[in-house]
Amino acid sequence: MGLPKKRNTANALGVYNKQTRDFVFCQPTSTDNPLFASGIYNDIDAGPRFFPKQMVNDSTMVMWVPANQLKDHVASDDFKNGSTKYPEKKRKLQELAESLTEYDNPVLMFVTFR
């Protein structure tokens, strides 16, 4: 008898489109990778899903990822098997993660909605 898996029931993320008045929730996945469990799917470079931590202005949000977690994400099957629109950006993210040490500052991810 193992311990029950914890599920995120406190945090939810959705995106509201002011023009169309559509509101869509991000679908969580079942994975042990904390950077791939919930948030906006990153099809640009197969990096972590975007779950904002702070608003920068009315259209830009930021999240920070500890260096060791980014390295773990890039080594995961979620990253390796992730589809991307820009394979060259995926390679650059992999190079960035490989250059980091666990003692480096967190990596910042910015998203700007148009």
PDB file of N, CA and C in Angstrom:
ATOM      1  N   MET A   1       0.850  -1.185   0.000  1.00  0.00           N
ATOM      2  CA  MET A   1       0.000   0.000   0.000  1.00  0.00           C
ATOM      3  C   MET A   1       0.888   1.237   0.000  1.00  0.00           C
ATOM      4  N   GLY A   2       0.890   1.959  -1.085  1.00  0.00           N
ATOM      5  CA  GLY A   2       1.698   3.161  -1.204  1.00  0.00           C
ATOM      6  C   GLY A   2       0.952   4.383  -0.722  1.00  0.00           C
ATOM      7  N   LEU A   3       1.684   5.457  -0.634  1.00  0.00           N
ATOM      8  CA  LEU A   3       1.065   6.726  -0.254  1.00  0.00           C
ATOM      9  C   LEU A   3       0.248   7.258  -1.422  1.00  0.00           C
ATOM     10  N   PRO A   4      -0.878   7.893  -1.145  1.00  0.00           N
ATOM     11  CA  PRO A   4      -1.670   8.463  -2.244  1.00  0.00           C
ATOM     12  C   PRO A   4      -0.923   9.628  -2.886  1.00  0.00           C
ATOM     13  N   LYS A   5      -1.080   9.761  -4.196  1.00  0.00           N
ATOM     14  CA  LYS A   5      -0.451  10.875  -4.895  1.00  0.00           C
ATOM     15  C   LYS A   5      -1.195  12.159  -4.560  1.00  0.00           C
ATOM     16  N   LYS A   6      -0.424  13.220  -4.388  1.00  0.00           N
ATOM     17  CA  LYS A   6      -1.028  14.520  -4.131  1.00  0.00           C
ATOM     18  C   LYS A   6      -1.548  15.093  -5.436  1.00  0.00           C
ATOM     19  N   ARG A   7      -2.673  15.729  -5.378  1.00  0.00           N
ATOM     20  CA  ARG A   7      -3.246  16.375  -6.558  1.00  0.00           C
ATOM     21  C   ARG A   7      -3.447  17.850  -6.257  1.00  0.00           C
ATOM     22  N   ASN A   8      -3.207  18.661  -7.263  1.00  0.00           N
ATOM     23  CA  ASN A   8      -3.371  20.103  -7.132  1.00  0.00           C
ATOM     24  C   ASN A   8      -4.858  20.430  -7.237  1.00  0.00           C
ATOM     25  N   THR A   9      -5.467  20.731  -6.094  1.00  0.00           N
ATOM     26  CA  THR A   9      -6.879  21.105  -6.107  1.00  0.00           C
ATOM     27  C   THR A   9      -7.077  22.563  -5.706  1.00  0.00           C
ATOM     28  N   ALA A  10      -5.999  23.252  -5.365  1.00  0.00           N
ATOM     29  CA  ALA A  10      -6.104  24.631  -4.900  1.00  0.00           C
ATOM     30  C   ALA A  10      -5.870  25.643  -6.009  1.00  0.00           C
ATOM     31  N   ASN A  11      -5.030  25.310  -6.993  1.00  0.00           N
ATOM     32  CA  ASN A  11      -4.670  26.265  -8.029  1.00  0.00           C
ATOM     33  C   ASN A  11      -5.256  25.861  -9.369  1.00  0.00           C
ATOM     34  N   ALA A  12      -5.815  26.817 -10.038  1.00  0.00           N
ATOM     35  CA  ALA A  12      -6.328  26.598 -11.391  1.00  0.00           C
ATOM     36  C   ALA A  12      -5.920  27.797 -12.232  1.00  0.00           C
ATOM     37  N   LEU A  13      -5.714  27.558 -13.514  1.00  0.00           N
ATOM     38  CA  LEU A  13      -5.308  28.635 -14.404  1.00  0.00           C
ATOM     39  C   LEU A  13      -6.218  28.630 -15.615  1.00  0.00           C
ATOM     40  N   GLY A  14      -6.709  29.782 -15.940  1.00  0.00           N
ATOM     41  CA  GLY A  14      -7.533  29.942 -17.123  1.00  0.00           C
ATOM     42  C   GLY A  14      -7.158  31.211 -17.852  1.00  0.00           C
ATOM     43  N   VAL A  15      -7.557  31.279 -19.107  1.00  0.00           N
ATOM     44  CA  VAL A  15      -7.263  32.450 -19.927  1.00  0.00           C
ATOM     45  C   VAL A  15      -8.592  32.993 -20.450  1.00  0.00           C
ATOM     46  N   TYR A  16      -8.775  34.293 -20.268  1.00  0.00           N
ATOM     47  CA  TYR A  16     -10.002  34.957 -20.729  1.00  0.00           C
ATOM     48  C   TYR A  16      -9.674  35.837 -21.923  1.00  0.00           C
ATOM     49  N   ASN A  17     -10.388  35.643 -23.014  1.00  0.00           N
ATOM     50  CA  ASN A  17     -10.230  36.446 -24.221  1.00  0.00           C
ATOM     51  C   ASN A  17     -11.289  37.544 -24.191  1.00  0.00           C
ATOM     52  N   LYS A  18     -10.851  38.790 -24.014  1.00  0.00           N
ATOM     53  CA  LYS A  18     -11.788  39.906 -23.914  1.00  0.00           C
ATOM     54  C   LYS A  18     -12.594  40.116 -25.189  1.00  0.00           C
ATOM     55  N   GLN A  19     -11.972  39.866 -26.339  1.00  0.00           N
ATOM     56  CA  GLN A  19     -12.658  40.103 -27.604  1.00  0.00           C
ATOM     57  C   GLN A  19     -13.787  39.103 -27.844  1.00  0.00           C
ATOM     58  N   THR A  20     -13.514  37.824 -27.594  1.00  0.00           N
ATOM     59  CA  THR A  20     -14.525  36.795 -27.854  1.00  0.00           C
ATOM     60  C   THR A  20     -15.321  36.429 -26.615  1.00  0.00           C
ATOM     61  N   ARG A  21     -14.869  36.909 -25.456  1.00  0.00           N
ATOM     62  CA  ARG A  21     -15.479  36.594 -24.168  1.00  0.00           C
ATOM     63  C   ARG A  21     -15.444  35.104 -23.847  1.00  0.00           C
ATOM     64  N   ASP A  22     -14.437  34.430 -24.363  1.00  0.00           N
ATOM     65  CA  ASP A  22     -14.234  33.010 -24.059  1.00  0.00           C
ATOM     66  C   ASP A  22     -13.289  32.882 -22.872  1.00  0.00           C
ATOM     67  N   PHE A  23     -13.592  31.928 -22.015  1.00  0.00           N
ATOM     68  CA  PHE A  23     -12.732  31.610 -20.883  1.00  0.00           C
ATOM     69  C   PHE A  23     -12.405  30.129 -20.957  1.00  0.00           C
ATOM     70  N   VAL A  24     -11.110  29.813 -20.985  1.00  0.00           N
ATOM     71  CA  VAL A  24     -10.665  28.433 -21.132  1.00  0.00           C
ATOM     72  C   VAL A  24      -9.721  28.089 -19.994  1.00  0.00           C
ATOM     73  N   PHE A  25      -9.995  26.979 -19.308  1.00  0.00           N
ATOM     74  CA  PHE A  25      -9.094  26.490 -18.267  1.00  0.00           C
ATOM     75  C   PHE A  25      -7.993  25.653 -18.888  1.00  0.00           C
ATOM     76  N   CYS A  26      -6.799  25.734 -18.337  1.00  0.00           N
ATOM     77  CA  CYS A  26      -5.690  24.882 -18.757  1.00  0.00           C
ATOM     78  C   CYS A  26      -5.917  23.496 -18.183  1.00  0.00           C
ATOM     79  N   GLN A  27      -5.718  22.480 -19.005  1.00  0.00           N
ATOM     80  CA  GLN A  27      -5.928  21.111 -18.581  1.00  0.00           C
ATOM     81  C   GLN A  27      -4.669  20.574 -17.908  1.00  0.00           C
ATOM     82  N   PRO A  28      -4.782  20.065 -16.672  1.00  0.00           N
ATOM     83  CA  PRO A  28      -3.612  19.471 -16.018  1.00  0.00           C
ATOM     84  C   PRO A  28      -3.275  18.125 -16.647  1.00  0.00           C
ATOM     85  N   THR A  29      -2.035  17.695 -16.474  1.00  0.00           N
ATOM     86  CA  THR A  29      -1.612  16.393 -16.973  1.00  0.00           C
ATOM     87  C   THR A  29      -1.240  15.517 -15.790  1.00  0.00           C
ATOM     88  N   SER A  30      -1.169  14.243 -16.018  1.00  0.00           N
ATOM     89  CA  SER A  30      -0.732  13.338 -14.961  1.00  0.00           C
ATOM     90  C   SER A  30       0.733  13.005 -15.222  1.00  0.00           C
ATOM     91  N   THR A  31       1.596  13.675 -14.510  1.00  0.00           N
ATOM     92  CA  THR A  31       3.031  13.485 -14.631  1.00  0.00           C
ATOM     93  C   THR A  31       3.674  13.795 -13.291  1.00  0.00           C
ATOM     94  N   ASP A  32       4.835  13.225 -13.054  1.00  0.00           N
ATOM     95  CA  ASP A  32       5.576  13.529 -11.834  1.00  0.00           C
ATOM     96  C   ASP A  32       6.435  14.775 -11.995  1.00  0.00           C
ATOM     97  N   ASN A  33       6.485  15.325 -13.201  1.00  0.00           N
ATOM     98  CA  ASN A  33       7.277  16.506 -13.505  1.00  0.00           C
ATOM     99  C   ASN A  33       6.504  17.749 -13.045  1.00  0.00           C
ATOM    100  N   PRO A  34       6.955  18.429 -11.979  1.00  0.00           N
ATOM    101  CA  PRO A  34       6.205  19.582 -11.466  1.00  0.00           C
ATOM    102  C   PRO A  34       6.110  20.741 -12.454  1.00  0.00           C
ATOM    103  N   LEU A  35       7.019  20.830 -13.418  1.00  0.00           N
ATOM    104  CA  LEU A  35       6.981  21.917 -14.396  1.00  0.00           C
ATOM    105  C   LEU A  35       6.097  21.582 -15.593  1.00  0.00           C
ATOM    106  N   PHE A  36       5.483  20.411 -15.580  1.00  0.00           N
ATOM    107  CA  PHE A  36       4.663  20.010 -16.719  1.00  0.00           C
ATOM    108  C   PHE A  36       3.264  19.591 -16.285  1.00  0.00           C
ATOM    109  N   ALA A  37       2.946  19.784 -14.998  1.00  0.00           N
ATOM    110  CA  ALA A  37       1.674  19.312 -14.472  1.00  0.00           C
ATOM    111  C   ALA A  37       0.515  20.254 -14.792  1.00  0.00           C
ATOM    112  N   SER A  38       0.739  21.566 -14.694  1.00  0.00           N
ATOM    113  CA  SER A  38      -0.353  22.498 -14.975  1.00  0.00           C
ATOM    114  C   SER A  38       0.208  23.796 -15.521  1.00  0.00           C
ATOM    115  N   GLY A  39      -0.647  24.525 -16.182  1.00  0.00           N
ATOM    116  CA  GLY A  39      -0.249  25.794 -16.782  1.00  0.00           C
ATOM    117  C   GLY A  39      -0.513  25.785 -18.277  1.00  0.00           C
ATOM    118  N   ILE A  40      -0.108  26.850 -18.929  1.00  0.00           N
ATOM    119  CA  ILE A  40      -0.302  26.998 -20.372  1.00  0.00           C
ATOM    120  C   ILE A  40       0.759  26.178 -21.081  1.00  0.00           C
ATOM    121  N   TYR A  41       0.327  25.277 -21.967  1.00  0.00           N
ATOM    122  CA  TYR A  41       1.247  24.398 -22.682  1.00  0.00           C
ATOM    123  C   TYR A  41       2.227  25.221 -23.508  1.00  0.00           C
ATOM    124  N   ASN A  42       3.490  24.878 -23.432  1.00  0.00           N
ATOM    125  CA  ASN A  42       4.557  25.609 -24.115  1.00  0.00           C
ATOM    126  C   ASN A  42       4.920  24.863 -25.402  1.00  0.00           C
ATOM    127  N   ASP A  43       4.302  25.253 -26.500  1.00  0.00           N
ATOM    128  CA  ASP A  43       4.611  24.605 -27.780  1.00  0.00           C
ATOM    129  C   ASP A  43       5.690  25.359 -28.561  1.00  0.00           C
ATOM    130  N   ILE A  44       6.285  26.370 -27.948  1.00  0.00           N
ATOM    131  CA  ILE A  44       7.358  27.117 -28.606  1.00  0.00           C
ATOM    132  C   ILE A  44       8.661  26.333 -28.547  1.00  0.00           C
ATOM    133  N   ASP A  45       9.036  25.883 -27.327  1.00  0.00           N
ATOM    134  CA  ASP A  45      10.301  25.165 -27.170  1.00  0.00           C
ATOM    135  C   ASP A  45      10.181  23.904 -26.316  1.00  0.00           C
ATOM    136  N   ALA A  46       8.943  23.467 -26.027  1.00  0.00           N
ATOM    137  CA  ALA A  46       8.673  22.287 -25.181  1.00  0.00           C
ATOM    138  C   ALA A  46       9.207  22.486 -23.773  1.00  0.00           C
ATOM    139  N   GLY A  47       9.378  23.741 -23.385  1.00  0.00           N
ATOM    140  CA  GLY A  47       9.842  24.049 -22.034  1.00  0.00           C
ATOM    141  C   GLY A  47       8.727  23.854 -21.029  1.00  0.00           C
ATOM    142  N   PRO A  48       8.935  24.325 -19.805  1.00  0.00           N
ATOM    143  CA  PRO A  48       7.926  24.171 -18.761  1.00  0.00           C
ATOM    144  C   PRO A  48       6.601  24.802 -19.174  1.00  0.00           C
ATOM    145  N   ARG A  49       5.521  24.228 -18.666  1.00  0.00           N
ATOM    146  CA  ARG A  49       4.227  24.881 -18.844  1.00  0.00           C
ATOM    147  C   ARG A  49       4.265  26.197 -18.085  1.00  0.00           C
ATOM    148  N   PHE A  50       3.597  27.210 -18.625  1.00  0.00           N
ATOM    149  CA  PHE A  50       3.656  28.540 -18.023  1.00  0.00           C
ATOM    150  C   PHE A  50       2.551  28.697 -16.990  1.00  0.00           C
ATOM    151  N   PHE A  51       2.956  28.878 -15.742  1.00  0.00           N
ATOM    152  CA  PHE A  51       2.022  29.159 -14.646  1.00  0.00           C
ATOM    153  C   PHE A  51       2.536  30.428 -13.979  1.00  0.00           C
ATOM    154  N   PRO A  52       1.929  31.588 -14.292  1.00  0.00           N
ATOM    155  CA  PRO A  52       2.484  32.875 -13.856  1.00  0.00           C
ATOM    156  C   PRO A  52       2.537  33.015 -12.342  1.00  0.00           C
ATOM    157  N   LYS A  53       3.579  33.693 -11.905  1.00  0.00           N
ATOM    158  CA  LYS A  53       3.740  33.990 -10.476  1.00  0.00           C
ATOM    159  C   LYS A  53       3.491  35.465 -10.198  1.00  0.00           C
ATOM    160  N   GLN A  54       3.623  36.327 -11.238  1.00  0.00           N
ATOM    161  CA  GLN A  54       3.496  37.772 -11.032  1.00  0.00           C
ATOM    162  C   GLN A  54       3.071  38.451 -12.326  1.00  0.00           C
ATOM    163  N   MET A  55       2.252  39.492 -12.189  1.00  0.00           N
ATOM    164  CA  MET A  55       1.905  40.346 -13.326  1.00  0.00           C
ATOM    165  C   MET A  55       2.973  41.430 -13.436  1.00  0.00           C
ATOM    166  N   VAL A  56       3.466  41.666 -14.658  1.00  0.00           N
ATOM    167  CA  VAL A  56       4.435  42.736 -14.900  1.00  0.00           C
ATOM    168  C   VAL A  56       3.680  44.003 -15.282  1.00  0.00           C
ATOM    169  N   ASN A  57       2.721  43.850 -16.191  1.00  0.00           N
ATOM    170  CA  ASN A  57       1.828  44.941 -16.574  1.00  0.00           C
ATOM    171  C   ASN A  57       0.504  44.314 -16.997  1.00  0.00           C
ATOM    172  N   ASP A  58      -0.350  45.037 -17.703  1.00  0.00           N
ATOM    173  CA  ASP A  58      -1.675  44.504 -18.018  1.00  0.00           C
ATOM    174  C   ASP A  58      -1.669  43.366 -19.038  1.00  0.00           C
ATOM    175  N   SER A  59      -0.552  43.102 -19.711  1.00  0.00           N
ATOM    176  CA  SER A  59      -0.523  42.017 -20.693  1.00  0.00           C
ATOM    177  C   SER A  59       0.687  41.092 -20.562  1.00  0.00           C
ATOM    178  N   THR A  60       1.565  41.352 -19.613  1.00  0.00           N
ATOM    179  CA  THR A  60       2.775  40.540 -19.458  1.00  0.00           C
ATOM    180  C   THR A  60       2.820  39.919 -18.068  1.00  0.00           C
ATOM    181  N   MET A  61       3.143  38.617 -18.039  1.00  0.00           N
ATOM    182  CA  MET A  61       3.274  37.881 -16.788  1.00  0.00           C
ATOM    183  C   MET A  61       4.642  37.207 -16.762  1.00  0.00           C
ATOM    184  N   VAL A  62       5.093  36.869 -15.560  1.00  0.00           N
ATOM    185  CA  VAL A  62       6.393  36.221 -15.405  1.00  0.00           C
ATOM    186  C   VAL A  62       6.266  35.035 -14.454  1.00  0.00           C
ATOM    187  N   MET A  63       7.083  34.031 -14.705  1.00  0.00           N
ATOM    188  CA  MET A  63       7.255  32.930 -13.759  1.00  0.00           C
ATOM    189  C   MET A  63       8.739  32.663 -13.666  1.00  0.00           C
ATOM    190  N   TRP A  64       9.178  32.153 -12.547  1.00  0.00           N
ATOM    191  CA  TRP A  64      10.583  31.806 -12.402  1.00  0.00           C
ATOM    192  C   TRP A  64      10.687  30.323 -12.111  1.00  0.00           C
ATOM    193  N   VAL A  65      11.756  29.745 -12.665  1.00  0.00           N
ATOM    194  CA  VAL A  65      11.990  28.317 -12.563  1.00  0.00           C
ATOM    195  C   VAL A  65      13.371  28.102 -11.946  1.00  0.00           C
ATOM    196  N   PRO A  66      13.446  27.409 -10.807  1.00  0.00           N
ATOM    197  CA  PRO A  66      14.763  27.110 -10.238  1.00  0.00           C
ATOM    198  C   PRO A  66      15.621  26.340 -11.250  1.00  0.00           C
ATOM    199  N   ALA A  67      16.903  26.657 -11.276  1.00  0.00           N
ATOM    200  CA  ALA A  67      17.804  26.065 -12.266  1.00  0.00           C
ATOM    201  C   ALA A  67      17.775  24.539 -12.226  1.00  0.00           C
ATOM    202  N   ASN A  68      17.769  23.962 -11.034  1.00  0.00           N
ATOM    203  CA  ASN A  68      17.776  22.500 -10.948  1.00  0.00           C
ATOM    204  C   ASN A  68      16.485  21.894 -11.493  1.00  0.00           C
ATOM    205  N   GLN A  69      15.357  22.582 -11.333  1.00  0.00           N
ATOM    206  CA  GLN A  69      14.098  22.071 -11.879  1.00  0.00           C
ATOM    207  C   GLN A  69      14.078  22.166 -13.401  1.00  0.00           C
ATOM    208  N   LEU A  70      14.672  23.225 -13.947  1.00  0.00           N
ATOM    209  CA  LEU A  70      14.739  23.344 -15.402  1.00  0.00           C
ATOM    210  C   LEU A  70      15.621  22.234 -15.969  1.00  0.00           C
ATOM    211  N   LYS A  71      16.729  21.955 -15.308  1.00  0.00           N
ATOM    212  CA  LYS A  71      17.611  20.868 -15.751  1.00  0.00           C
ATOM    213  C   LYS A  71      16.868  19.527 -15.708  1.00  0.00           C
ATOM    214  N   ASP A  72      16.102  19.302 -14.641  1.00  0.00           N
ATOM    215  CA  ASP A  72      15.330  18.062 -14.528  1.00  0.00           C
ATOM    216  C   ASP A  72      14.265  17.981 -15.623  1.00  0.00           C
ATOM    217  N   HIS A  73      13.626  19.118 -15.921  1.00  0.00           N
ATOM    218  CA  HIS A  73      12.602  19.125 -16.966  1.00  0.00           C
ATOM    219  C   HIS A  73      13.199  18.770 -18.326  1.00  0.00           C
ATOM    220  N   VAL A  74      14.329  19.360 -18.666  1.00  0.00           N
ATOM    221  CA  VAL A  74      14.963  19.109 -19.963  1.00  0.00           C
ATOM    222  C   VAL A  74      15.419  17.644 -20.069  1.00  0.00           C
ATOM    223  N   ALA A  75      15.727  17.021 -18.952  1.00  0.00           N
ATOM    224  CA  ALA A  75      16.127  15.615 -18.952  1.00  0.00           C
ATOM    225  C   ALA A  75      14.920  14.670 -18.971  1.00  0.00           C
ATOM    226  N   SER A  76      13.716  15.202 -18.807  1.00  0.00           N
ATOM    227  CA  SER A  76      12.519  14.365 -18.694  1.00  0.00           C
ATOM    228  C   SER A  76      11.984  13.920 -20.054  1.00  0.00           C
ATOM    229  N   ASP A  77      11.167  12.871 -20.027  1.00  0.00           N
ATOM    230  CA  ASP A  77      10.487  12.412 -21.234  1.00  0.00           C
ATOM    231  C   ASP A  77       9.489  13.450 -21.739  1.00  0.00           C
ATOM    232  N   ASP A  78       8.911  14.227 -20.819  1.00  0.00           N
ATOM    233  CA  ASP A  78       7.967  15.278 -21.219  1.00  0.00           C
ATOM    234  C   ASP A  78       8.627  16.247 -22.187  1.00  0.00           C
ATOM    235  N   PHE A  79       9.876  16.616 -21.907  1.00  0.00           N
ATOM    236  CA  PHE A  79      10.608  17.517 -22.790  1.00  0.00           C
ATOM    237  C   PHE A  79      11.050  16.798 -24.061  1.00  0.00           C
ATOM    238  N   LYS A  80      11.661  15.634 -23.887  1.00  0.00           N
ATOM    239  CA  LYS A  80      12.195  14.898 -25.031  1.00  0.00           C
ATOM    240  C   LYS A  80      11.122  14.550 -26.051  1.00  0.00           C
ATOM    241  N   ASN A  81       9.922  14.206 -25.573  1.00  0.00           N
ATOM    242  CA  ASN A  81       8.840  13.815 -26.472  1.00  0.00           C
ATOM    243  C   ASN A  81       7.893  14.965 -26.803  1.00  0.00           C
ATOM    244  N   GLY A  82       8.158  16.145 -26.262  1.00  0.00           N
ATOM    245  CA  GLY A  82       7.285  17.292 -26.472  1.00  0.00           C
ATOM    246  C   GLY A  82       7.356  17.822 -27.892  1.00  0.00           C
ATOM    247  N   SER A  83       6.192  18.107 -28.444  1.00  0.00           N
ATOM    248  CA  SER A  83       6.162  18.682 -29.789  1.00  0.00           C
ATOM    249  C   SER A  83       6.383  20.189 -29.689  1.00  0.00           C
ATOM    250  N   THR A  84       6.991  20.746 -30.711  1.00  0.00           N
ATOM    251  CA  THR A  84       7.341  22.161 -30.693  1.00  0.00           C
ATOM    252  C   THR A  84       7.203  22.760 -32.079  1.00  0.00           C
ATOM    253  N   LYS A  85       6.866  24.037 -32.110  1.00  0.00           N
ATOM    254  CA  LYS A  85       6.783  24.756 -33.381  1.00  0.00           C
ATOM    255  C   LYS A  85       8.159  25.189 -33.867  1.00  0.00           C
ATOM    256  N   TYR A  86       9.095  25.329 -32.948  1.00  0.00           N
ATOM    257  CA  TYR A  86      10.416  25.849 -33.280  1.00  0.00           C
ATOM    258  C   TYR A  86      11.503  24.925 -32.719  1.00  0.00           C
ATOM    259  N   PRO A  87      11.896  23.884 -33.442  1.00  0.00           N
ATOM    260  CA  PRO A  87      12.913  22.947 -32.948  1.00  0.00           C
ATOM    261  C   PRO A  87      14.225  23.620 -32.555  1.00  0.00           C
ATOM    262  N   GLU A  88      14.596  24.705 -33.247  1.00  0.00           N
ATOM    263  CA  GLU A  88      15.846  25.381 -32.897  1.00  0.00           C
ATOM    264  C   GLU A  88      15.764  26.015 -31.505  1.00  0.00           C
ATOM    265  N   LYS A  89      14.584  26.476 -31.107  1.00  0.00           N
ATOM    266  CA  LYS A  89      14.415  27.042 -29.766  1.00  0.00           C
ATOM    267  C   LYS A  89      14.482  25.939 -28.711  1.00  0.00           C
ATOM    268  N   LYS A  90      14.000  24.759 -29.058  1.00  0.00           N
ATOM    269  CA  LYS A  90      14.100  23.620 -28.149  1.00  0.00           C
ATOM    270  C   LYS A  90      15.567  23.275 -27.910  1.00  0.00           C
ATOM    271  N   ARG A  91      16.368  23.276 -28.969  1.00  0.00           N
ATOM    272  CA  ARG A  91      17.806  23.006 -28.827  1.00  0.00           C
ATOM    273  C   ARG A  91      18.479  24.080 -27.962  1.00  0.00           C
ATOM    274  N   LYS A  92      18.085  25.343 -28.145  1.00  0.00           N
ATOM    275  CA  LYS A  92      18.670  26.426 -27.346  1.00  0.00           C
ATOM    276  C   LYS A  92      18.303  26.281 -25.869  1.00  0.00           C
ATOM    277  N   LEU A  93      17.063  25.862 -25.597  1.00  0.00           N
ATOM    278  CA  LEU A  93      16.654  25.647 -24.211  1.00  0.00           C
ATOM    279  C   LEU A  93      17.460  24.506 -23.602  1.00  0.00           C
ATOM    280  N   GLN A  94      17.690  23.459 -24.373  1.00  0.00           N
ATOM    281  CA  GLN A  94      18.488  22.341 -23.893  1.00  0.00           C
ATOM    282  C   GLN A  94      19.922  22.798 -23.600  1.00  0.00           C
ATOM    283  N   GLU A  95      20.493  23.601 -24.479  1.00  0.00           N
ATOM    284  CA  GLU A  95      21.847  24.123 -24.259  1.00  0.00           C
ATOM    285  C   GLU A  95      21.897  25.000 -22.998  1.00  0.00           C
ATOM    286  N   LEU A  96      20.868  25.834 -22.811  1.00  0.00           N
ATOM    287  CA  LEU A  96      20.809  26.682 -21.619  1.00  0.00           C
ATOM    288  C   LEU A  96      20.773  25.815 -20.365  1.00  0.00           C
ATOM    289  N   ALA A  97      19.900  24.813 -20.354  1.00  0.00           N
ATOM    290  CA  ALA A  97      19.770  23.952 -19.174  1.00  0.00           C
ATOM    291  C   ALA A  97      21.070  23.213 -18.884  1.00  0.00           C
ATOM    292  N   GLU A  98      21.741  22.773 -19.927  1.00  0.00           N
ATOM    293  CA  GLU A  98      23.005  22.059 -19.732  1.00  0.00           C
ATOM    294  C   GLU A  98      24.102  22.962 -19.201  1.00  0.00           C
ATOM    295  N   SER A  99      24.000  24.269 -19.452  1.00  0.00           N
ATOM    296  CA  SER A  99      25.021  25.211 -18.978  1.00  0.00           C
ATOM    297  C   SER A  99      24.788  25.648 -17.531  1.00  0.00           C
ATOM    298  N   LEU A 100      23.625  25.357 -16.984  1.00  0.00           N
ATOM    299  CA  LEU A 100      23.292  25.785 -15.626  1.00  0.00           C
ATOM    300  C   LEU A 100      23.834  24.816 -14.581  1.00  0.00           C
ATOM    301  N   THR A 101      24.095  25.358 -13.391  1.00  0.00           N
ATOM    302  CA  THR A 101      24.383  24.523 -12.231  1.00  0.00           C
ATOM    303  C   THR A 101      23.217  24.676 -11.265  1.00  0.00           C
ATOM    304  N   GLU A 102      23.123  23.789 -10.310  1.00  0.00           N
ATOM    305  CA  GLU A 102      22.007  23.854  -9.367  1.00  0.00           C
ATOM    306  C   GLU A 102      22.069  25.098  -8.488  1.00  0.00           C
ATOM    307  N   TYR A 103      23.195  25.797  -8.487  1.00  0.00           N
ATOM    308  CA  TYR A 103      23.360  26.993  -7.659  1.00  0.00           C
ATOM    309  C   TYR A 103      23.089  28.293  -8.418  1.00  0.00           C
ATOM    310  N   ASP A 104      22.769  28.198  -9.701  1.00  0.00           N
ATOM    311  CA  ASP A 104      22.473  29.394 -10.486  1.00  0.00           C
ATOM    312  C   ASP A 104      21.137  29.997 -10.064  1.00  0.00           C
ATOM    313  N   ASN A 105      20.969  31.264 -10.410  1.00  0.00           N
ATOM    314  CA  ASN A 105      19.706  31.948 -10.143  1.00  0.00           C
ATOM    315  C   ASN A 105      18.583  31.308 -10.952  1.00  0.00           C
ATOM    316  N   PRO A 106      17.349  31.507 -10.513  1.00  0.00           N
ATOM    317  CA  PRO A 106      16.220  30.978 -11.291  1.00  0.00           C
ATOM    318  C   PRO A 106      16.176  31.591 -12.693  1.00  0.00           C
ATOM    319  N   VAL A 107      15.613  30.840 -13.607  1.00  0.00           N
ATOM    320  CA  VAL A 107      15.417  31.298 -14.986  1.00  0.00           C
ATOM    321  C   VAL A 107      14.038  31.941 -15.051  1.00  0.00           C
ATOM    322  N   LEU A 108      13.961  33.132 -15.642  1.00  0.00           N
ATOM    323  CA  LEU A 108      12.696  33.846 -15.766  1.00  0.00           C
ATOM    324  C   LEU A 108      12.043  33.536 -17.104  1.00  0.00           C
ATOM    325  N   MET A 109      10.745  33.287 -17.071  1.00  0.00           N
ATOM    326  CA  MET A 109       9.955  33.098 -18.290  1.00  0.00           C
ATOM    327  C   MET A 109       8.907  34.204 -18.331  1.00  0.00           C
ATOM    328  N   PHE A 110       8.874  34.941 -19.440  1.00  0.00           N
ATOM    329  CA  PHE A 110       7.896  36.009 -19.618  1.00  0.00           C
ATOM    330  C   PHE A 110       6.919  35.620 -20.716  1.00  0.00           C
ATOM    331  N   VAL A 111       5.650  35.927 -20.525  1.00  0.00           N
ATOM    332  CA  VAL A 111       4.643  35.734 -21.553  1.00  0.00           C
ATOM    333  C   VAL A 111       3.892  37.045 -21.700  1.00  0.00           C
ATOM    334  N   THR A 112       3.764  37.504 -22.953  1.00  0.00           N
ATOM    335  CA  THR A 112       3.002  38.705 -23.251  1.00  0.00           C
ATOM    336  C   THR A 112       1.844  38.336 -24.150  1.00  0.00           C
ATOM    337  N   PHE A 113       0.636  38.633 -23.708  1.00  0.00           N
ATOM    338  CA  PHE A 113      -0.553  38.394 -24.510  1.00  0.00           C
ATOM    339  C   PHE A 113      -0.798  39.581 -25.416  1.00  0.00           C
ATOM    340  N   ARG A 114      -1.264  39.296 -26.611  1.00  0.00           N
ATOM    341  CA  ARG A 114      -1.583  40.366 -27.565  1.00  0.00           C
ATOM    342  C   ARG A 114      -3.049  40.635 -27.582  1.00  0.00           C
TER     343      ARG A 114
END
